Amino acid sequence: MTTADVAAQREPSGASPASVGRTAPAGGALHRLDNRGTSCAIGLIRIQERLAAMPLGDTLEVVTRDRFAPYEVPIWVERHGLELTSQERRGFWLLASTTFRIRKTAEVPPPRA
């Protein structure tokens, strides 16, 4: 079995294999989620969906343009017992984006339907 096969098995349907399989700095696979087109409330639900499907020890990299995410995401991560390994802001004003790296250190329940 190749690395791409393993990544495809871990990734929920609809996600590209290129978004997983890389090694995260703390070990485990690095998954990516682009939330630049969603509001923070929907963005948090998408983060929770992705984390629920990931194995423990993997890292999720989330990119968002939501202006409240730098305040809400760290609080959400702490409440779920996860580890925020990095937070970086790039760009200027309306074009700015924030990138978070969240390491899954605890089980995350899937969002309610």
C-alpha atoms as a PDB file:
ATOM      1  CA  MET A   1       0.000   0.000   0.000  1.00  0.00           C
ATOM      2  CA  THR A   2       1.377   3.406  -0.979  1.00  0.00           C
ATOM      3  CA  THR A   3       1.331   6.615   1.039  1.00  0.00           C
ATOM      4  CA  ALA A   4      -1.370   8.013  -1.268  1.00  0.00           C
ATOM      5  CA  ASP A   5      -3.562   4.935  -0.602  1.00  0.00           C
ATOM      6  CA  VAL A   6      -3.231   5.420   3.158  1.00  0.00           C
ATOM      7  CA  ALA A   7      -4.004   9.148   2.812  1.00  0.00           C
ATOM      8  CA  ALA A   8      -7.049   8.423   0.647  1.00  0.00           C
ATOM      9  CA  GLN A   9      -8.382   5.998   3.265  1.00  0.00           C
ATOM     10  CA  ARG A  10      -8.010   8.585   6.051  1.00  0.00           C
ATOM     11  CA  GLU A  11      -9.556  11.446   4.095  1.00  0.00           C
ATOM     12  CA  PRO A  12     -13.340  11.913   3.967  1.00  0.00           C
ATOM     13  CA  SER A  13     -14.896  11.758   0.522  1.00  0.00           C
ATOM     14  CA  GLY A  14     -14.632  14.904  -1.535  1.00  0.00           C
ATOM     15  CA  ALA A  15     -11.187  15.904  -0.252  1.00  0.00           C
ATOM     16  CA  SER A  16      -8.174  15.664  -2.470  1.00  0.00           C
ATOM     17  CA  PRO A  17      -5.356  13.260  -1.585  1.00  0.00           C
ATOM     18  CA  ALA A  18      -2.919  16.164  -1.993  1.00  0.00           C
ATOM     19  CA  SER A  19      -4.390  17.723   1.144  1.00  0.00           C
ATOM     20  CA  VAL A  20      -3.103  14.922   3.396  1.00  0.00           C
ATOM     21  CA  GLY A  21      -0.164  12.622   3.761  1.00  0.00           C
ATOM     22  CA  ARG A  22       2.499  15.161   4.564  1.00  0.00           C
ATOM     23  CA  THR A  23       4.191  14.813   7.904  1.00  0.00           C
ATOM     24  CA  ALA A  24       3.230  17.359  10.520  1.00  0.00           C
ATOM     25  CA  PRO A  25       6.012  18.919  12.653  1.00  0.00           C
ATOM     26  CA  ALA A  26       4.954  16.994  15.778  1.00  0.00           C
ATOM     27  CA  GLY A  27       4.478  13.708  13.906  1.00  0.00           C
ATOM     28  CA  GLY A  28       1.372  12.263  12.291  1.00  0.00           C
ATOM     29  CA  ALA A  29      -0.155  13.372   9.008  1.00  0.00           C
ATOM     30  CA  LEU A  30      -0.889  16.970   8.065  1.00  0.00           C
ATOM     31  CA  HIS A  31      -4.449  17.584   6.813  1.00  0.00           C
ATOM     32  CA  ARG A  32      -5.495  20.892   5.233  1.00  0.00           C
ATOM     33  CA  LEU A  33      -8.804  22.738   5.301  1.00  0.00           C
ATOM     34  CA  ASP A  34      -9.471  25.934   3.332  1.00  0.00           C
ATOM     35  CA  ASN A  35     -12.154  27.923   5.151  1.00  0.00           C
ATOM     36  CA  ARG A  36     -11.524  31.220   3.369  1.00  0.00           C
ATOM     37  CA  GLY A  37     -15.020  31.298   1.873  1.00  0.00           C
ATOM     38  CA  THR A  38     -16.983  30.471   5.023  1.00  0.00           C
ATOM     39  CA  SER A  39     -18.066  32.385   8.096  1.00  0.00           C
ATOM     40  CA  CYS A  40     -16.563  31.396  11.435  1.00  0.00           C
ATOM     41  CA  ALA A  41     -19.654  29.549  12.712  1.00  0.00           C
ATOM     42  CA  ILE A  42     -19.770  27.311   9.641  1.00  0.00           C
ATOM     43  CA  GLY A  43     -15.979  27.183   9.666  1.00  0.00           C
ATOM     44  CA  LEU A  44     -15.963  25.750  13.198  1.00  0.00           C
ATOM     45  CA  ILE A  45     -18.436  23.064  12.123  1.00  0.00           C
ATOM     46  CA  ARG A  46     -16.199  22.145   9.169  1.00  0.00           C
ATOM     47  CA  ILE A  47     -13.177  21.989  11.511  1.00  0.00           C
ATOM     48  CA  GLN A  48     -15.094  19.731  13.893  1.00  0.00           C
ATOM     49  CA  GLU A  49     -16.168  17.420  11.028  1.00  0.00           C
ATOM     50  CA  ARG A  50     -12.614  17.097   9.772  1.00  0.00           C
ATOM     51  CA  LEU A  51     -11.100  16.549  13.228  1.00  0.00           C
ATOM     52  CA  ALA A  52     -13.716  13.909  14.093  1.00  0.00           C
ATOM     53  CA  ALA A  53     -12.625  11.893  11.046  1.00  0.00           C
ATOM     54  CA  MET A  54      -8.877  12.209  11.743  1.00  0.00           C
ATOM     55  CA  PRO A  55      -6.812   9.811  13.879  1.00  0.00           C
ATOM     56  CA  LEU A  56      -5.219  11.006  17.124  1.00  0.00           C
ATOM     57  CA  GLY A  57      -1.835  12.660  16.676  1.00  0.00           C
ATOM     58  CA  ASP A  58      -2.573  14.140  13.233  1.00  0.00           C
ATOM     59  CA  THR A  59      -2.531  17.894  12.620  1.00  0.00           C
ATOM     60  CA  LEU A  60      -5.155  19.978  10.825  1.00  0.00           C
ATOM     61  CA  GLU A  61      -4.029  23.167   9.084  1.00  0.00           C
ATOM     62  CA  VAL A  62      -6.926  25.603   8.676  1.00  0.00           C
ATOM     63  CA  VAL A  63      -6.814  28.774   6.567  1.00  0.00           C
ATOM     64  CA  THR A  64      -9.579  31.337   7.108  1.00  0.00           C
ATOM     65  CA  ARG A  65     -10.349  34.964   6.311  1.00  0.00           C
ATOM     66  CA  ASP A  66     -12.939  35.346   9.049  1.00  0.00           C
ATOM     67  CA  ARG A  67     -12.028  38.343  11.192  1.00  0.00           C
ATOM     68  CA  PHE A  68     -13.284  36.720  14.414  1.00  0.00           C
ATOM     69  CA  ALA A  69     -11.440  33.408  13.948  1.00  0.00           C
ATOM     70  CA  PRO A  70      -8.246  34.579  15.743  1.00  0.00           C
ATOM     71  CA  TYR A  71     -10.383  34.969  18.883  1.00  0.00           C
ATOM     72  CA  GLU A  72     -12.870  32.100  18.496  1.00  0.00           C
ATOM     73  CA  VAL A  73     -10.710  29.240  17.185  1.00  0.00           C
ATOM     74  CA  PRO A  74      -8.192  29.199  20.088  1.00  0.00           C
ATOM     75  CA  ILE A  75     -11.067  29.152  22.599  1.00  0.00           C
ATOM     76  CA  TRP A  76     -12.827  26.343  20.675  1.00  0.00           C
ATOM     77  CA  VAL A  77      -9.581  24.337  20.511  1.00  0.00           C
ATOM     78  CA  GLU A  78      -9.017  24.705  24.257  1.00  0.00           C
ATOM     79  CA  ARG A  79     -12.598  23.669  25.083  1.00  0.00           C
ATOM     80  CA  HIS A  80     -12.187  20.458  23.073  1.00  0.00           C
ATOM     81  CA  GLY A  81      -8.868  19.570  24.729  1.00  0.00           C
ATOM     82  CA  LEU A  82      -6.845  19.947  21.535  1.00  0.00           C
ATOM     83  CA  GLU A  83      -3.482  21.626  20.967  1.00  0.00           C
ATOM     84  CA  LEU A  84      -3.072  24.814  18.932  1.00  0.00           C
ATOM     85  CA  THR A  85       0.497  24.456  17.677  1.00  0.00           C
ATOM     86  CA  SER A  86       0.618  27.648  15.609  1.00  0.00           C
ATOM     87  CA  GLN A  87      -1.414  30.689  14.575  1.00  0.00           C
ATOM     88  CA  GLU A  88      -0.169  32.996  11.821  1.00  0.00           C
ATOM     89  CA  ARG A  89      -1.788  36.030  10.205  1.00  0.00           C
ATOM     90  CA  ARG A  90      -0.830  37.069   6.682  1.00  0.00           C
ATOM     91  CA  GLY A  91      -1.960  39.846   4.408  1.00  0.00           C
ATOM     92  CA  PHE A  92      -3.546  43.201   5.038  1.00  0.00           C
ATOM     93  CA  TRP A  93      -7.012  44.192   6.233  1.00  0.00           C
ATOM     94  CA  LEU A  94      -9.796  42.649   4.084  1.00  0.00           C
ATOM     95  CA  LEU A  95      -7.385  40.377   2.232  1.00  0.00           C
ATOM     96  CA  ALA A  96      -5.783  39.035   5.406  1.00  0.00           C
ATOM     97  CA  SER A  97      -5.974  35.355   6.277  1.00  0.00           C
ATOM     98  CA  THR A  98      -5.134  33.428   9.423  1.00  0.00           C
ATOM     99  CA  THR A  99      -3.598  29.954   9.408  1.00  0.00           C
ATOM    100  CA  PHE A 100      -4.055  27.665  12.396  1.00  0.00           C
ATOM    101  CA  ARG A 101      -2.411  24.318  13.043  1.00  0.00           C
ATOM    102  CA  ILE A 102      -4.472  22.167  15.391  1.00  0.00           C
ATOM    103  CA  ARG A 103      -3.054  18.896  16.698  1.00  0.00           C
ATOM    104  CA  LYS A 104      -5.656  16.275  17.589  1.00  0.00           C
ATOM    105  CA  THR A 105      -4.764  15.189  21.114  1.00  0.00           C
ATOM    106  CA  ALA A 106      -8.289  14.137  22.172  1.00  0.00           C
ATOM    107  CA  GLU A 107     -11.333  12.620  20.506  1.00  0.00           C
ATOM    108  CA  VAL A 108     -13.665  15.139  18.884  1.00  0.00           C
ATOM    109  CA  PRO A 109     -17.336  14.219  18.499  1.00  0.00           C
ATOM    110  CA  PRO A 110     -18.834  14.799  15.041  1.00  0.00           C
ATOM    111  CA  PRO A 111     -21.178  17.804  14.819  1.00  0.00           C
ATOM    112  CA  ARG A 112     -24.894  17.171  15.196  1.00  0.00           C
ATOM    113  CA  ALA A 113     -26.857  16.690  12.000  1.00  0.00           C
END
